[in-house]
């Protein structure tokens, strides 16, 4: 098992950004709010580092599965900036 680093995402898919923002809007929140975006960032990092990377490092995910999941999470991490126009 190698410590392969997944490729960095350049921007989330529009559908992903809309879907994630919709989850927040349904709860009266928005990723345009800096505090909400910061909390979202912590949650995405926790999933990426603790669950995805941790599972990979302990042999629970193969290299390709890890790469794909991290690419999705890396794109999801960009959603707040993308929605604000910073990543467009």
N, C-alpha and C. Protein backbone atom coordinates (compact mmCIF):
# COMPACT_ATOMS: atom_id res chain seq x y z
N UNK A 1 0.86 -1.17 0.00
CA UNK A 1 0.00 0.00 0.00
C UNK A 1 0.90 1.23 0.00
N UNK A 2 0.68 2.13 -0.95
CA UNK A 2 1.47 3.35 -1.03
C UNK A 2 0.70 4.50 -0.44
N UNK A 3 1.38 5.60 -0.21
CA UNK A 3 0.74 6.80 0.32
C UNK A 3 0.33 7.72 -0.80
N UNK A 4 -0.30 7.18 -1.85
CA UNK A 4 -0.66 7.96 -3.03
C UNK A 4 -1.57 9.13 -2.66
N UNK A 5 -1.26 10.27 -3.23
CA UNK A 5 -2.07 11.46 -3.01
C UNK A 5 -3.01 11.62 -4.20
N UNK A 6 -4.31 11.77 -3.96
CA UNK A 6 -5.24 11.94 -5.07
C UNK A 6 -5.03 13.28 -5.74
N UNK A 7 -5.41 13.39 -7.01
CA UNK A 7 -5.26 14.66 -7.70
C UNK A 7 -6.17 15.72 -7.09
N UNK A 8 -5.72 16.94 -7.09
CA UNK A 8 -6.51 18.04 -6.53
C UNK A 8 -7.67 18.38 -7.46
N UNK A 9 -8.80 18.68 -6.89
CA UNK A 9 -9.97 19.09 -7.67
C UNK A 9 -9.80 20.55 -8.05
N UNK A 10 -10.27 20.89 -9.23
CA UNK A 10 -10.18 22.28 -9.66
C UNK A 10 -11.45 23.05 -9.32
N UNK A 11 -12.59 22.38 -9.38
CA UNK A 11 -13.87 23.00 -9.05
C UNK A 11 -14.92 21.90 -8.90
N UNK A 12 -15.91 22.13 -8.07
CA UNK A 12 -16.98 21.13 -7.96
C UNK A 12 -17.90 21.21 -9.17
N UNK A 13 -18.56 20.14 -9.43
CA UNK A 13 -19.60 20.10 -10.45
C UNK A 13 -20.77 20.98 -9.97
N UNK A 14 -21.43 21.67 -10.89
CA UNK A 14 -22.57 22.52 -10.52
C UNK A 14 -23.62 21.74 -9.74
N UNK A 15 -23.88 20.51 -10.16
CA UNK A 15 -24.90 19.70 -9.47
C UNK A 15 -24.51 19.41 -8.04
N UNK A 16 -23.23 19.14 -7.83
CA UNK A 16 -22.74 18.88 -6.47
C UNK A 16 -22.90 20.12 -5.61
N UNK A 17 -22.49 21.26 -6.13
CA UNK A 17 -22.60 22.52 -5.37
C UNK A 17 -24.05 22.83 -5.02
N UNK A 18 -24.93 22.68 -5.98
CA UNK A 18 -26.35 22.96 -5.74
C UNK A 18 -26.93 21.97 -4.73
N UNK A 19 -26.58 20.70 -4.85
CA UNK A 19 -27.11 19.69 -3.92
C UNK A 19 -26.65 19.95 -2.49
N UNK A 20 -25.37 20.26 -2.32
CA UNK A 20 -24.86 20.52 -0.98
C UNK A 20 -25.47 21.78 -0.40
N UNK A 21 -25.53 22.84 -1.18
CA UNK A 21 -26.13 24.09 -0.71
C UNK A 21 -27.61 23.88 -0.36
N UNK A 22 -28.30 23.06 -1.13
CA UNK A 22 -29.72 22.77 -0.86
C UNK A 22 -29.91 22.12 0.51
N UNK A 23 -29.00 21.23 0.89
CA UNK A 23 -29.08 20.61 2.21
C UNK A 23 -28.99 21.66 3.31
N UNK A 24 -28.13 22.63 3.12
CA UNK A 24 -27.98 23.71 4.11
C UNK A 24 -29.18 24.65 4.08
N UNK A 25 -29.64 25.01 2.89
CA UNK A 25 -30.80 25.91 2.77
C UNK A 25 -32.04 25.31 3.43
N UNK A 26 -32.20 24.00 3.32
CA UNK A 26 -33.36 23.32 3.94
C UNK A 26 -33.35 23.45 5.45
N UNK A 27 -32.19 23.76 6.01
CA UNK A 27 -32.06 23.93 7.46
C UNK A 27 -31.91 25.39 7.85
N UNK A 28 -32.19 26.28 6.89
CA UNK A 28 -32.11 27.71 7.17
C UNK A 28 -30.68 28.24 7.22
N UNK A 29 -29.76 27.51 6.61
CA UNK A 29 -28.34 27.89 6.61
C UNK A 29 -27.88 28.11 5.18
N UNK A 30 -26.70 28.70 5.04
CA UNK A 30 -26.12 28.89 3.72
C UNK A 30 -24.60 28.80 3.81
N UNK A 31 -24.01 28.18 2.83
CA UNK A 31 -22.56 28.11 2.77
C UNK A 31 -21.93 29.44 2.38
N UNK A 32 -22.75 30.42 2.05
CA UNK A 32 -22.26 31.78 1.80
C UNK A 32 -21.92 32.48 3.12
N UNK A 33 -22.47 31.99 4.22
CA UNK A 33 -22.16 32.53 5.54
C UNK A 33 -20.78 32.01 5.96
N UNK A 34 -19.86 32.90 6.31
CA UNK A 34 -18.49 32.47 6.66
C UNK A 34 -18.43 31.46 7.81
N UNK A 35 -19.25 31.61 8.83
CA UNK A 35 -19.22 30.65 9.94
C UNK A 35 -19.72 29.28 9.52
N UNK A 36 -20.78 29.26 8.71
CA UNK A 36 -21.30 27.99 8.22
C UNK A 36 -20.28 27.33 7.29
N UNK A 37 -19.64 28.13 6.44
CA UNK A 37 -18.63 27.60 5.53
C UNK A 37 -17.44 27.03 6.31
N UNK A 38 -17.06 27.70 7.39
CA UNK A 38 -15.95 27.21 8.21
C UNK A 38 -16.31 25.88 8.88
N UNK A 39 -17.51 25.77 9.38
CA UNK A 39 -17.96 24.52 10.01
C UNK A 39 -18.03 23.40 8.96
N UNK A 40 -18.50 23.73 7.78
CA UNK A 40 -18.56 22.77 6.67
C UNK A 40 -17.15 22.27 6.35
N UNK A 41 -16.19 23.19 6.31
CA UNK A 41 -14.80 22.82 6.01
C UNK A 41 -14.26 21.82 7.03
N UNK A 42 -14.55 22.06 8.31
CA UNK A 42 -14.11 21.13 9.35
C UNK A 42 -14.73 19.75 9.13
N UNK A 43 -16.00 19.72 8.80
CA UNK A 43 -16.69 18.44 8.59
C UNK A 43 -16.10 17.69 7.39
N UNK A 44 -15.86 18.40 6.29
CA UNK A 44 -15.28 17.75 5.11
C UNK A 44 -13.87 17.24 5.42
N UNK A 45 -13.08 18.04 6.13
CA UNK A 45 -11.73 17.60 6.50
C UNK A 45 -11.78 16.37 7.40
N UNK A 46 -12.72 16.35 8.33
CA UNK A 46 -12.84 15.20 9.22
C UNK A 46 -13.15 13.93 8.44
N UNK A 47 -14.08 14.02 7.51
CA UNK A 47 -14.43 12.85 6.69
C UNK A 47 -13.22 12.43 5.86
N UNK A 48 -12.57 13.40 5.23
CA UNK A 48 -11.43 13.08 4.36
C UNK A 48 -10.28 12.47 5.15
N UNK A 49 -9.89 13.12 6.21
CA UNK A 49 -8.70 12.67 6.95
C UNK A 49 -8.96 11.47 7.83
N UNK A 50 -10.03 11.53 8.61
CA UNK A 50 -10.27 10.47 9.57
C UNK A 50 -10.90 9.22 8.95
N UNK A 51 -11.89 9.43 8.13
CA UNK A 51 -12.59 8.26 7.57
C UNK A 51 -11.93 7.72 6.30
N UNK A 52 -11.78 8.57 5.30
CA UNK A 52 -11.27 8.09 4.01
C UNK A 52 -9.78 7.74 4.09
N UNK A 53 -8.96 8.69 4.53
CA UNK A 53 -7.52 8.42 4.62
C UNK A 53 -7.22 7.34 5.66
N UNK A 54 -7.91 7.40 6.79
CA UNK A 54 -7.70 6.40 7.84
C UNK A 54 -8.05 5.00 7.39
N UNK A 55 -9.17 4.88 6.68
CA UNK A 55 -9.58 3.57 6.18
C UNK A 55 -8.59 3.05 5.14
N UNK A 56 -8.10 3.94 4.30
CA UNK A 56 -7.09 3.56 3.31
C UNK A 56 -5.80 3.09 3.98
N UNK A 57 -5.35 3.84 4.97
CA UNK A 57 -4.09 3.51 5.65
C UNK A 57 -4.16 2.19 6.41
N UNK A 58 -5.36 1.80 6.82
CA UNK A 58 -5.50 0.53 7.54
C UNK A 58 -5.90 -0.62 6.61
N UNK A 59 -5.93 -0.35 5.31
CA UNK A 59 -6.20 -1.41 4.35
C UNK A 59 -7.65 -1.63 4.00
N UNK A 60 -8.53 -0.77 4.49
CA UNK A 60 -9.96 -0.93 4.22
C UNK A 60 -10.41 -0.42 2.87
N UNK A 61 -9.55 0.35 2.21
CA UNK A 61 -9.84 0.86 0.86
C UNK A 61 -8.63 0.59 -0.02
N UNK A 62 -8.90 0.27 -1.27
CA UNK A 62 -7.82 0.13 -2.23
C UNK A 62 -7.38 1.51 -2.72
N UNK A 63 -6.26 1.53 -3.43
CA UNK A 63 -5.70 2.78 -3.89
C UNK A 63 -6.67 3.53 -4.81
N UNK A 64 -7.30 2.83 -5.73
CA UNK A 64 -8.23 3.49 -6.67
C UNK A 64 -9.47 3.98 -5.95
N UNK A 65 -10.01 3.20 -5.02
CA UNK A 65 -11.17 3.65 -4.24
C UNK A 65 -10.82 4.90 -3.45
N UNK A 66 -9.66 4.90 -2.84
CA UNK A 66 -9.20 6.06 -2.08
C UNK A 66 -9.08 7.29 -2.98
N UNK A 67 -8.47 7.12 -4.12
CA UNK A 67 -8.29 8.23 -5.04
C UNK A 67 -9.63 8.82 -5.46
N UNK A 68 -10.57 7.96 -5.80
CA UNK A 68 -11.90 8.43 -6.23
C UNK A 68 -12.65 9.15 -5.11
N UNK A 69 -12.65 8.56 -3.93
CA UNK A 69 -13.36 9.19 -2.81
C UNK A 69 -12.72 10.52 -2.42
N UNK A 70 -11.39 10.57 -2.39
CA UNK A 70 -10.73 11.84 -2.07
C UNK A 70 -10.99 12.90 -3.14
N UNK A 71 -11.04 12.50 -4.40
CA UNK A 71 -11.34 13.47 -5.47
C UNK A 71 -12.74 14.06 -5.27
N UNK A 72 -13.69 13.22 -4.89
CA UNK A 72 -15.05 13.71 -4.63
C UNK A 72 -15.07 14.66 -3.43
N UNK A 73 -14.38 14.29 -2.37
CA UNK A 73 -14.35 15.14 -1.18
C UNK A 73 -13.57 16.43 -1.43
N UNK A 74 -12.50 16.34 -2.22
CA UNK A 74 -11.76 17.55 -2.55
C UNK A 74 -12.64 18.53 -3.33
N UNK A 75 -13.45 17.99 -4.24
CA UNK A 75 -14.39 18.85 -4.98
C UNK A 75 -15.45 19.42 -4.04
N UNK A 76 -15.95 18.59 -3.14
CA UNK A 76 -16.95 19.06 -2.18
C UNK A 76 -16.40 20.15 -1.28
N UNK A 77 -15.12 20.07 -0.95
CA UNK A 77 -14.49 21.08 -0.09
C UNK A 77 -14.48 22.46 -0.74
N UNK A 78 -14.53 22.50 -2.05
CA UNK A 78 -14.48 23.77 -2.78
C UNK A 78 -15.85 24.45 -2.93
N UNK A 79 -16.91 23.77 -2.52
CA UNK A 79 -18.26 24.29 -2.74
C UNK A 79 -18.50 25.69 -2.17
N UNK A 80 -18.14 25.99 -0.93
CA UNK A 80 -18.42 27.35 -0.43
C UNK A 80 -17.78 28.46 -1.28
N UNK A 81 -16.53 28.30 -1.66
CA UNK A 81 -15.88 29.29 -2.51
C UNK A 81 -16.47 29.35 -3.89
N UNK A 82 -16.86 28.20 -4.41
CA UNK A 82 -17.48 28.12 -5.73
C UNK A 82 -18.81 28.86 -5.75
N UNK A 83 -19.60 28.67 -4.70
CA UNK A 83 -20.90 29.33 -4.62
C UNK A 83 -20.76 30.84 -4.49
N UNK A 84 -19.70 31.29 -3.85
CA UNK A 84 -19.50 32.73 -3.68
C UNK A 84 -18.85 33.35 -4.91
N UNK A 85 -18.46 32.52 -5.85
CA UNK A 85 -17.85 33.03 -7.07
C UNK A 85 -16.35 33.10 -7.00
N UNK A 86 -15.77 32.76 -5.85
CA UNK A 86 -14.32 32.84 -5.69
C UNK A 86 -13.59 31.81 -6.55
N UNK A 87 -14.23 30.69 -6.84
CA UNK A 87 -13.59 29.63 -7.62
C UNK A 87 -14.13 29.55 -9.03
N UNK A 88 -14.81 30.57 -9.49
CA UNK A 88 -15.36 30.54 -10.84
C UNK A 88 -14.48 31.28 -11.79
